[in-house]
Amino acid sequence: MIRLFVGLSLPERDRRALSRLQCGLKNARWVAADNLHVTLRFIGTVDESQAEDYATALDDVLAQPFDLRVKGVGTFGRPPHNLWAGVADQPAGVLAHLQARVESVLVRAGLPPEGQKFSPHVTLARLKKSTHPGPVADFLTAHEALQQPSFKVSGFTLFESQLSTIRFHGAHYTAFAEYDL
């Protein structure tokens, strides 16, 4: 069995810059710098045959290269359970178009449709329920002006996510297949 998701890798400079923000919050499980990415579609755990089917289906995704920029920070949930950095695409809407194409080919290949609206972001940390909202609000205020230089997105990746058996080590992501735009 293989655990998969489709995503966009970030340039090293963006991963380094984001990793420098990852401090100052108790009860935050920070995402390792090498794992920072934008998820286009979580697939989940599938067998080898399904993984190959999805990898083949993703060959049919047609989209043009575009620019992406890491911009701003925010949270999901009340109380917040995820801390993220936002992304902005140029021209506007091309990232949503790419995600819709990925979704479409995966659904045609047999994956059930995604149940939630696409909200592009880079997860920085997962927050425990016991995380006090004051420091989270302070973090958001301190980094609200975050804006990295834009970078060219010229492809996407089908990632394999291998969960660690060591507590608090998170997952390790490797490319299962890569696709050019």
N, C-alpha and C. Protein backbone atom coordinates (compact mmCIF):
# COMPACT_ATOMS: atom_id res chain seq x y z
N MET A 1 0.84 -1.19 0.00
CA MET A 1 0.00 0.00 0.00
C MET A 1 0.89 1.25 0.00
N ILE A 2 0.42 2.26 -0.71
CA ILE A 2 1.18 3.50 -0.88
C ILE A 2 0.26 4.68 -0.54
N ARG A 3 0.80 5.64 0.18
CA ARG A 3 0.04 6.85 0.52
C ARG A 3 0.51 7.95 -0.42
N LEU A 4 -0.43 8.57 -1.16
CA LEU A 4 -0.07 9.51 -2.23
C LEU A 4 -0.80 10.84 -2.11
N PHE A 5 -0.16 11.88 -2.66
CA PHE A 5 -0.82 13.16 -2.88
C PHE A 5 -0.14 13.84 -4.07
N VAL A 6 -0.85 14.76 -4.69
CA VAL A 6 -0.32 15.54 -5.81
C VAL A 6 0.00 16.93 -5.28
N GLY A 7 1.20 17.43 -5.59
CA GLY A 7 1.56 18.73 -5.06
C GLY A 7 2.58 19.47 -5.90
N LEU A 8 2.84 20.68 -5.45
CA LEU A 8 3.85 21.54 -6.06
C LEU A 8 5.00 21.70 -5.08
N SER A 9 6.20 21.46 -5.54
CA SER A 9 7.38 21.69 -4.72
C SER A 9 7.67 23.18 -4.66
N LEU A 10 8.28 23.58 -3.58
CA LEU A 10 8.73 24.97 -3.43
C LEU A 10 10.22 25.04 -3.68
N PRO A 11 10.70 26.17 -4.20
CA PRO A 11 12.15 26.34 -4.35
C PRO A 11 12.82 26.31 -2.98
N GLU A 12 14.08 25.94 -2.98
CA GLU A 12 14.86 25.87 -1.75
C GLU A 12 14.81 27.19 -0.99
N ARG A 13 14.93 28.31 -1.68
CA ARG A 13 14.95 29.61 -0.99
C ARG A 13 13.65 29.84 -0.23
N ASP A 14 12.51 29.41 -0.76
CA ASP A 14 11.22 29.58 -0.08
C ASP A 14 11.12 28.64 1.12
N ARG A 15 11.57 27.41 0.94
CA ARG A 15 11.54 26.46 2.06
C ARG A 15 12.42 26.97 3.21
N ARG A 16 13.60 27.49 2.88
CA ARG A 16 14.49 28.03 3.92
C ARG A 16 13.85 29.23 4.62
N ALA A 17 13.28 30.14 3.83
CA ALA A 17 12.66 31.33 4.42
C ALA A 17 11.49 30.95 5.33
N LEU A 18 10.68 30.01 4.89
CA LEU A 18 9.55 29.58 5.72
C LEU A 18 10.02 28.85 6.97
N SER A 19 11.07 28.08 6.86
CA SER A 19 11.56 27.35 8.03
C SER A 19 12.09 28.30 9.10
N ARG A 20 12.55 29.48 8.68
CA ARG A 20 13.02 30.47 9.66
C ARG A 20 11.87 31.06 10.48
N LEU A 21 10.64 30.94 9.97
CA LEU A 21 9.47 31.43 10.71
C LEU A 21 9.00 30.41 11.74
N GLN A 22 9.44 29.19 11.61
CA GLN A 22 8.88 28.09 12.39
C GLN A 22 9.45 28.02 13.81
N CYS A 23 9.00 28.96 14.63
CA CYS A 23 9.41 28.97 16.03
C CYS A 23 8.45 29.86 16.82
N GLY A 24 8.53 29.75 18.13
CA GLY A 24 7.79 30.67 18.98
C GLY A 24 6.40 30.24 19.38
N LEU A 25 5.95 29.06 18.95
CA LEU A 25 4.62 28.59 19.36
C LEU A 25 4.75 27.26 20.07
N LYS A 26 4.32 27.24 21.32
CA LYS A 26 4.28 25.98 22.05
C LYS A 26 3.20 25.10 21.44
N ASN A 27 3.37 23.83 21.52
CA ASN A 27 2.40 22.85 21.04
C ASN A 27 2.20 22.87 19.53
N ALA A 28 3.16 23.43 18.81
CA ALA A 28 3.11 23.40 17.34
C ALA A 28 4.02 22.28 16.86
N ARG A 29 3.51 21.47 15.94
CA ARG A 29 4.35 20.46 15.27
C ARG A 29 4.70 21.05 13.91
N TRP A 30 5.92 21.57 13.81
CA TRP A 30 6.35 22.26 12.60
C TRP A 30 6.64 21.24 11.50
N VAL A 31 6.27 21.57 10.29
CA VAL A 31 6.55 20.73 9.13
C VAL A 31 8.02 20.90 8.76
N ALA A 32 8.69 19.79 8.51
CA ALA A 32 10.10 19.84 8.11
C ALA A 32 10.26 20.65 6.82
N ALA A 33 11.33 21.44 6.74
CA ALA A 33 11.55 22.31 5.59
C ALA A 33 11.49 21.54 4.27
N ASP A 34 12.04 20.33 4.23
CA ASP A 34 12.03 19.54 3.00
C ASP A 34 10.63 19.12 2.58
N ASN A 35 9.67 19.16 3.51
CA ASN A 35 8.31 18.73 3.21
C ASN A 35 7.36 19.88 2.89
N LEU A 36 7.82 21.11 2.90
CA LEU A 36 6.95 22.24 2.61
C LEU A 36 6.57 22.22 1.12
N HIS A 37 5.27 22.28 0.85
CA HIS A 37 4.75 22.17 -0.52
C HIS A 37 3.33 22.72 -0.57
N VAL A 38 2.77 22.79 -1.75
CA VAL A 38 1.36 23.12 -1.96
C VAL A 38 0.67 21.85 -2.43
N THR A 39 -0.33 21.39 -1.69
CA THR A 39 -1.08 20.19 -2.08
C THR A 39 -2.14 20.57 -3.10
N LEU A 40 -2.16 19.84 -4.21
CA LEU A 40 -3.20 20.01 -5.22
C LEU A 40 -4.34 19.01 -4.99
N ARG A 41 -3.98 17.79 -4.55
CA ARG A 41 -5.00 16.76 -4.30
C ARG A 41 -4.42 15.67 -3.42
N PHE A 42 -5.04 15.42 -2.27
CA PHE A 42 -4.67 14.29 -1.44
C PHE A 42 -5.38 13.06 -1.99
N ILE A 43 -4.64 12.00 -2.20
CA ILE A 43 -5.21 10.76 -2.73
C ILE A 43 -5.46 9.77 -1.60
N GLY A 44 -4.48 9.58 -0.74
CA GLY A 44 -4.63 8.65 0.37
C GLY A 44 -3.88 7.36 0.09
N THR A 45 -4.24 6.32 0.84
CA THR A 45 -3.57 5.03 0.74
C THR A 45 -4.24 4.17 -0.32
N VAL A 46 -3.43 3.74 -1.27
CA VAL A 46 -3.93 2.92 -2.38
C VAL A 46 -2.95 1.78 -2.61
N ASP A 47 -3.40 0.78 -3.36
CA ASP A 47 -2.47 -0.31 -3.68
C ASP A 47 -1.61 0.08 -4.89
N GLU A 48 -0.59 -0.73 -5.16
CA GLU A 48 0.37 -0.43 -6.24
C GLU A 48 -0.31 -0.23 -7.59
N SER A 49 -1.30 -1.05 -7.89
CA SER A 49 -1.99 -0.98 -9.17
C SER A 49 -2.73 0.36 -9.32
N GLN A 50 -3.45 0.76 -8.27
CA GLN A 50 -4.15 2.05 -8.30
C GLN A 50 -3.15 3.19 -8.42
N ALA A 51 -2.04 3.09 -7.70
CA ALA A 51 -1.02 4.14 -7.78
C ALA A 51 -0.54 4.30 -9.21
N GLU A 52 -0.29 3.21 -9.88
CA GLU A 52 0.16 3.28 -11.28
C GLU A 52 -0.93 3.86 -12.18
N ASP A 53 -2.19 3.49 -11.92
CA ASP A 53 -3.31 4.03 -12.70
C ASP A 53 -3.39 5.55 -12.53
N TYR A 54 -3.26 6.02 -11.29
CA TYR A 54 -3.32 7.46 -11.05
C TYR A 54 -2.13 8.17 -11.66
N ALA A 55 -0.96 7.55 -11.57
CA ALA A 55 0.24 8.15 -12.17
C ALA A 55 0.07 8.29 -13.68
N THR A 56 -0.49 7.28 -14.31
CA THR A 56 -0.73 7.32 -15.76
C THR A 56 -1.78 8.38 -16.10
N ALA A 57 -2.86 8.44 -15.32
CA ALA A 57 -3.93 9.41 -15.57
C ALA A 57 -3.40 10.84 -15.52
N LEU A 58 -2.48 11.10 -14.60
CA LEU A 58 -1.95 12.46 -14.45
C LEU A 58 -1.14 12.93 -15.66
N ASP A 59 -0.74 11.98 -16.53
CA ASP A 59 -0.08 12.37 -17.78
C ASP A 59 -1.00 13.22 -18.65
N ASP A 60 -2.32 13.11 -18.44
CA ASP A 60 -3.29 13.83 -19.26
C ASP A 60 -3.55 15.26 -18.79
N VAL A 61 -2.93 15.68 -17.71
CA VAL A 61 -3.14 17.05 -17.22
C VAL A 61 -2.41 18.01 -18.14
N LEU A 62 -3.18 18.92 -18.72
CA LEU A 62 -2.61 19.94 -19.60
C LEU A 62 -2.81 21.31 -18.96
N ALA A 63 -1.74 22.02 -18.76
CA ALA A 63 -1.80 23.38 -18.22
C ALA A 63 -0.51 24.08 -18.61
N GLN A 64 -0.55 25.38 -18.57
CA GLN A 64 0.61 26.20 -18.90
C GLN A 64 1.42 26.52 -17.64
N PRO A 65 2.74 26.69 -17.77
CA PRO A 65 3.53 27.16 -16.64
C PRO A 65 3.02 28.52 -16.17
N PHE A 66 3.23 28.81 -14.90
CA PHE A 66 2.76 30.07 -14.34
C PHE A 66 3.67 30.44 -13.16
N ASP A 67 3.47 31.66 -12.67
CA ASP A 67 4.23 32.14 -11.52
C ASP A 67 3.42 31.97 -10.25
N LEU A 68 4.13 31.65 -9.18
CA LEU A 68 3.50 31.47 -7.87
C LEU A 68 4.34 32.22 -6.85
N ARG A 69 3.68 32.74 -5.84
CA ARG A 69 4.37 33.50 -4.80
C ARG A 69 3.81 33.10 -3.44
N VAL A 70 4.70 32.85 -2.48
CA VAL A 70 4.28 32.62 -1.10
C VAL A 70 3.99 33.97 -0.49
N LYS A 71 2.77 34.10 0.07
CA LYS A 71 2.33 35.43 0.50
C LYS A 71 1.34 35.31 1.65
N GLY A 72 1.66 35.90 2.78
CA GLY A 72 0.75 35.96 3.92
C GLY A 72 0.72 34.67 4.73
N VAL A 73 0.08 34.73 5.87
CA VAL A 73 -0.09 33.59 6.77
C VAL A 73 -1.52 33.55 7.28
N GLY A 74 -1.91 32.39 7.78
CA GLY A 74 -3.25 32.25 8.33
C GLY A 74 -3.39 30.92 9.05
N THR A 75 -4.61 30.65 9.49
CA THR A 75 -4.90 29.40 10.18
C THR A 75 -6.18 28.78 9.62
N PHE A 76 -6.33 27.50 9.86
CA PHE A 76 -7.57 26.79 9.60
C PHE A 76 -8.12 26.31 10.94
N GLY A 77 -9.43 26.37 11.07
CA GLY A 77 -10.10 25.80 12.23
C GLY A 77 -10.31 26.77 13.36
N ARG A 78 -11.28 26.41 14.22
CA ARG A 78 -11.55 27.15 15.45
C ARG A 78 -11.76 26.15 16.56
N PRO A 79 -10.90 26.03 17.52
CA PRO A 79 -9.64 26.76 17.58
C PRO A 79 -8.73 26.34 16.44
N PRO A 80 -7.73 27.16 16.13
CA PRO A 80 -6.87 26.85 14.99
C PRO A 80 -6.15 25.51 15.17
N HIS A 81 -6.15 24.71 14.10
CA HIS A 81 -5.44 23.43 14.13
C HIS A 81 -4.31 23.37 13.10
N ASN A 82 -4.32 24.26 12.11
CA ASN A 82 -3.24 24.34 11.12
C ASN A 82 -2.81 25.78 10.95
N LEU A 83 -1.51 25.97 10.86
CA LEU A 83 -0.92 27.28 10.58
C LEU A 83 -0.33 27.19 9.18
N TRP A 84 -0.64 28.16 8.31
CA TRP A 84 -0.20 28.07 6.93
C TRP A 84 0.33 29.38 6.39
N ALA A 85 1.08 29.25 5.28
CA ALA A 85 1.48 30.39 4.46
C ALA A 85 0.63 30.32 3.20
N GLY A 86 0.14 31.46 2.76
CA GLY A 86 -0.69 31.50 1.57
C GLY A 86 0.13 31.52 0.29
N VAL A 87 -0.54 31.33 -0.83
CA VAL A 87 0.10 31.42 -2.13
C VAL A 87 -0.77 32.24 -3.06
N ALA A 88 -0.13 32.97 -3.94
CA ALA A 88 -0.82 33.78 -4.94
C ALA A 88 -0.24 33.43 -6.30
N ASP A 89 -1.12 33.22 -7.27
CA ASP A 89 -0.66 32.84 -8.61
C ASP A 89 -0.84 34.00 -9.58
N GLN A 90 -0.01 33.97 -10.63
CA GLN A 90 -0.07 34.98 -11.69
C GLN A 90 0.02 34.28 -13.03
N PRO A 91 -0.88 34.47 -13.94
CA PRO A 91 -2.09 35.26 -13.73
C PRO A 91 -3.05 34.56 -12.78
N ALA A 92 -3.87 35.34 -12.12
CA ALA A 92 -4.79 34.81 -11.11
C ALA A 92 -5.68 33.72 -11.71
N GLY A 93 -5.84 32.66 -10.97
CA GLY A 93 -6.73 31.58 -11.38
C GLY A 93 -6.05 30.40 -12.04
N VAL A 94 -4.79 30.54 -12.44
CA VAL A 94 -4.14 29.43 -13.13
C VAL A 94 -3.84 28.26 -12.18
N LEU A 95 -3.58 28.55 -10.91
CA LEU A 95 -3.36 27.48 -9.94
C LEU A 95 -4.66 26.69 -9.73
N ALA A 96 -5.78 27.39 -9.61
CA ALA A 96 -7.08 26.71 -9.46
C ALA A 96 -7.39 25.90 -10.71
N HIS A 97 -7.01 26.40 -11.88
CA HIS A 97 -7.22 25.65 -13.12
C HIS A 97 -6.40 24.36 -13.12
N LEU A 98 -5.14 24.45 -12.70
CA LEU A 98 -4.30 23.26 -12.63
C LEU A 98 -4.91 22.25 -11.65
N GLN A 99 -5.32 22.73 -10.49
CA GLN A 99 -5.90 21.83 -9.50
C GLN A 99 -7.17 21.17 -10.04
N ALA A 100 -8.00 21.91 -10.75
CA ALA A 100 -9.23 21.36 -11.33
C ALA A 100 -8.91 20.29 -12.37
N ARG A 101 -7.86 20.51 -13.15
CA ARG A 101 -7.45 19.50 -14.16
C ARG A 101 -6.97 18.23 -13.46
N VAL A 102 -6.17 18.39 -12.39
CA VAL A 102 -5.70 17.23 -11.62
C VAL A 102 -6.89 16.48 -11.06
N GLU A 103 -7.81 17.20 -10.45
CA GLU A 103 -9.03 16.58 -9.88
C GLU A 103 -9.80 15.82 -10.94
N SER A 104 -9.98 16.43 -12.09
CA SER A 104 -10.77 15.83 -13.16
C SER A 104 -10.17 14.50 -13.65
N VAL A 105 -8.87 14.48 -13.89
CA VAL A 105 -8.27 13.24 -14.40
C VAL A 105 -8.26 12.15 -13.34
N LEU A 106 -8.10 12.53 -12.07
CA LEU A 106 -8.10 11.52 -11.01
C LEU A 106 -9.49 10.94 -10.78
N VAL A 107 -10.52 11.77 -10.89
CA VAL A 107 -11.89 11.27 -10.76
C VAL A 107 -12.21 10.33 -11.92
N ARG A 108 -11.79 10.69 -13.13
CA ARG A 108 -12.02 9.80 -14.28
C ARG A 108 -11.28 8.48 -14.12
N ALA A 109 -10.17 8.50 -13.37
CA ALA A 109 -9.38 7.29 -13.12
C ALA A 109 -9.94 6.46 -11.96
N GLY A 110 -11.02 6.96 -11.33
CA GLY A 110 -11.68 6.17 -10.30
C GLY A 110 -11.59 6.69 -8.88
N LEU A 111 -10.90 7.80 -8.65
CA LEU A 111 -10.80 8.37 -7.31
C LEU A 111 -12.09 9.13 -7.00
N PRO A 112 -12.67 8.95 -5.82
CA PRO A 112 -13.87 9.74 -5.49
C PRO A 112 -13.55 11.23 -5.51
N PRO A 113 -14.54 12.07 -5.86
CA PRO A 113 -14.30 13.52 -5.89
C PRO A 113 -13.88 14.05 -4.52
N GLU A 114 -13.06 15.09 -4.55
CA GLU A 114 -12.63 15.77 -3.31
C GLU A 114 -13.86 16.40 -2.67
N GLY A 115 -13.98 16.26 -1.38
CA GLY A 115 -15.17 16.74 -0.69
C GLY A 115 -15.10 18.18 -0.23
N GLN A 116 -13.95 18.82 -0.35
CA GLN A 116 -13.85 20.20 0.12
C GLN A 116 -13.27 21.11 -0.95
N LYS A 117 -13.56 22.40 -0.79
CA LYS A 117 -13.10 23.41 -1.73
C LYS A 117 -11.58 23.54 -1.67
N PHE A 118 -10.95 23.74 -2.82
CA PHE A 118 -9.51 23.92 -2.90
C PHE A 118 -9.13 25.25 -2.26
N SER A 119 -8.22 25.19 -1.32
CA SER A 119 -7.72 26.37 -0.63
C SER A 119 -6.19 26.30 -0.62
N PRO A 120 -5.53 26.84 -1.65
CA PRO A 120 -4.08 26.66 -1.78
C PRO A 120 -3.31 27.31 -0.64
N HIS A 121 -2.36 26.55 -0.10
CA HIS A 121 -1.55 27.00 1.03
C HIS A 121 -0.36 26.08 1.21
N VAL A 122 0.56 26.51 2.07
CA VAL A 122 1.69 25.69 2.49
C VAL A 122 1.53 25.50 4.00
N THR A 123 1.29 24.27 4.44
CA THR A 123 1.15 24.02 5.87
C THR A 123 2.51 24.21 6.55
N LEU A 124 2.52 25.09 7.54
CA LEU A 124 3.73 25.35 8.31
C LEU A 124 3.77 24.51 9.59
N ALA A 125 2.60 24.35 10.22
CA ALA A 125 2.55 23.62 11.49
C ALA A 125 1.14 23.09 11.72
N ARG A 126 1.08 22.03 12.50
CA ARG A 126 -0.18 21.51 13.01
C ARG A 126 -0.20 21.88 14.49
N LEU A 127 -1.32 22.43 14.93
CA LEU A 127 -1.42 22.94 16.29
C LEU A 127 -2.27 22.01 17.15
N LYS A 128 -1.81 21.77 18.36
CA LYS A 128 -2.58 20.96 19.29
C LYS A 128 -3.75 21.79 19.82
N LYS A 129 -4.79 21.10 20.26
CA LYS A 129 -5.96 21.80 20.79
C LYS A 129 -5.62 22.68 21.97
N SER A 130 -4.57 22.32 22.69
CA SER A 130 -4.18 23.08 23.87
C SER A 130 -3.38 24.34 23.55
N THR A 131 -3.15 24.61 22.26
CA THR A 131 -2.39 25.80 21.87
C THR A 131 -3.20 27.04 22.22
N HIS A 132 -2.60 27.93 22.96
CA HIS A 132 -3.27 29.16 23.38
C HIS A 132 -3.42 30.10 22.18
N PRO A 133 -4.61 30.71 21.98
CA PRO A 133 -4.83 31.55 20.80
C PRO A 133 -4.01 32.84 20.78
N GLY A 134 -3.61 33.35 21.94
CA GLY A 134 -2.84 34.60 21.98
C GLY A 134 -1.54 34.53 21.19
N PRO A 135 -0.68 33.54 21.47
CA PRO A 135 0.56 33.44 20.70
C PRO A 135 0.33 33.19 19.20
N VAL A 136 -0.74 32.48 18.86
CA VAL A 136 -1.06 32.25 17.44
C VAL A 136 -1.40 33.59 16.79
N ALA A 137 -2.22 34.39 17.45
CA ALA A 137 -2.57 35.71 16.91
C ALA A 137 -1.32 36.58 16.79
N ASP A 138 -0.42 36.50 17.77
CA ASP A 138 0.83 37.27 17.70
C ASP A 138 1.67 36.83 16.51
N PHE A 139 1.74 35.51 16.27
CA PHE A 139 2.49 34.98 15.13
C PHE A 139 1.90 35.52 13.82
N LEU A 140 0.58 35.48 13.71
CA LEU A 140 -0.08 35.95 12.49
C LEU A 140 0.19 37.44 12.26
N THR A 141 0.13 38.21 13.32
CA THR A 141 0.40 39.65 13.20
C THR A 141 1.85 39.91 12.79
N ALA A 142 2.77 39.17 13.40
CA ALA A 142 4.19 39.37 13.12
C ALA A 142 4.56 39.02 11.68
N HIS A 143 3.80 38.10 11.06
CA HIS A 143 4.18 37.61 9.73
C HIS A 143 3.13 37.88 8.65
N GLU A 144 2.17 38.76 8.94
CA GLU A 144 1.11 39.02 7.97
C GLU A 144 1.63 39.61 6.67
N ALA A 145 2.75 40.29 6.71
CA ALA A 145 3.31 40.92 5.50
C ALA A 145 4.24 39.97 4.73
N LEU A 146 4.29 38.71 5.13
CA LEU A 146 5.16 37.75 4.44
C LEU A 146 4.91 37.79 2.94
N GLN A 147 5.98 37.94 2.18
CA GLN A 147 5.88 37.90 0.72
C GLN A 147 7.23 37.52 0.14
N GLN A 148 7.27 36.36 -0.49
CA GLN A 148 8.48 35.88 -1.13
C GLN A 148 8.47 36.30 -2.61
N PRO A 149 9.63 36.37 -3.24
CA PRO A 149 9.65 36.61 -4.69
C PRO A 149 8.92 35.48 -5.40
N SER A 150 8.32 35.79 -6.53
CA SER A 150 7.60 34.76 -7.27
C SER A 150 8.59 33.77 -7.89
N PHE A 151 8.08 32.58 -8.20
CA PHE A 151 8.87 31.56 -8.87
C PHE A 151 8.01 30.90 -9.94
N LYS A 152 8.66 30.32 -10.93
CA LYS A 152 7.96 29.69 -12.05
C LYS A 152 7.58 28.26 -11.67
N VAL A 153 6.30 27.94 -11.83
CA VAL A 153 5.82 26.57 -11.67
C VAL A 153 5.78 25.97 -13.07
N SER A 154 6.62 24.99 -13.30
CA SER A 154 6.69 24.38 -14.63
C SER A 154 6.35 22.89 -14.59
N GLY A 155 5.84 22.45 -13.43
CA GLY A 155 5.45 21.05 -13.31
C GLY A 155 4.86 20.78 -11.94
N PHE A 156 4.40 19.54 -11.75
CA PHE A 156 3.86 19.11 -10.48
C PHE A 156 4.33 17.69 -10.22
N THR A 157 4.09 17.21 -9.01
CA THR A 157 4.63 15.92 -8.59
C THR A 157 3.55 15.08 -7.93
N LEU A 158 3.58 13.78 -8.22
CA LEU A 158 2.81 12.80 -7.47
C LEU A 158 3.76 12.31 -6.39
N PHE A 159 3.47 12.68 -5.15
CA PHE A 159 4.33 12.36 -4.02
C PHE A 159 3.86 11.11 -3.30
N GLU A 160 4.83 10.33 -2.84
CA GLU A 160 4.56 9.25 -1.91
C GLU A 160 4.89 9.77 -0.52
N SER A 161 3.99 9.56 0.40
CA SER A 161 4.17 10.01 1.77
C SER A 161 4.39 8.79 2.65
N GLN A 162 5.58 8.71 3.22
CA GLN A 162 5.91 7.58 4.09
C GLN A 162 5.90 8.07 5.53
N LEU A 163 4.94 7.57 6.31
CA LEU A 163 4.81 7.98 7.69
C LEU A 163 5.93 7.36 8.52
N SER A 164 6.47 8.14 9.42
CA SER A 164 7.55 7.67 10.28
C SER A 164 6.99 6.84 11.44
N THR A 165 7.73 5.85 11.83
CA THR A 165 7.33 5.06 12.99
C THR A 165 7.84 5.71 14.27
N ILE A 166 8.66 6.75 14.13
CA ILE A 166 9.19 7.48 15.28
C ILE A 166 8.26 8.65 15.58
N ARG A 167 7.80 8.73 16.80
CA ARG A 167 6.85 9.76 17.20
C ARG A 167 7.43 11.16 16.94
N PHE A 168 6.61 12.05 16.42
CA PHE A 168 6.94 13.45 16.15
C PHE A 168 7.90 13.64 14.99
N HIS A 169 8.20 12.60 14.23
CA HIS A 169 9.09 12.77 13.08
C HIS A 169 8.31 13.06 11.80
N GLY A 170 6.99 12.96 11.85
CA GLY A 170 6.18 13.28 10.69
C GLY A 170 6.40 12.31 9.54
N ALA A 171 6.16 12.78 8.36
CA ALA A 171 6.27 11.95 7.16
C ALA A 171 7.49 12.36 6.35
N HIS A 172 7.86 11.47 5.45
CA HIS A 172 8.94 11.76 4.49
C HIS A 172 8.32 11.65 3.11
N TYR A 173 8.51 12.68 2.27
CA TYR A 173 7.91 12.71 0.94
C TYR A 173 8.96 12.42 -0.12
N THR A 174 8.61 11.55 -1.05
CA THR A 174 9.47 11.28 -2.21
C THR A 174 8.61 11.34 -3.46
N ALA A 175 9.24 11.67 -4.57
CA ALA A 175 8.52 11.75 -5.85
C ALA A 175 8.23 10.34 -6.35
N PHE A 176 6.95 10.08 -6.58
CA PHE A 176 6.51 8.82 -7.20
C PHE A 176 6.53 9.00 -8.72
N ALA A 177 6.12 10.20 -9.17
CA ALA A 177 6.16 10.56 -10.60
C ALA A 177 6.17 12.09 -10.70
N GLU A 178 6.79 12.60 -11.76
CA GLU A 178 6.86 14.03 -11.98
C GLU A 178 6.30 14.36 -13.35
N TYR A 179 5.68 15.54 -13.45
CA TYR A 179 4.98 15.94 -14.68
C TYR A 179 5.35 17.37 -15.05
N ASP A 180 5.60 17.59 -16.32
CA ASP A 180 5.89 18.93 -16.83
C ASP A 180 4.60 19.58 -17.30
N LEU A 181 4.55 20.91 -17.17
CA LEU A 181 3.42 21.68 -17.72
C LEU A 181 3.78 22.14 -19.11
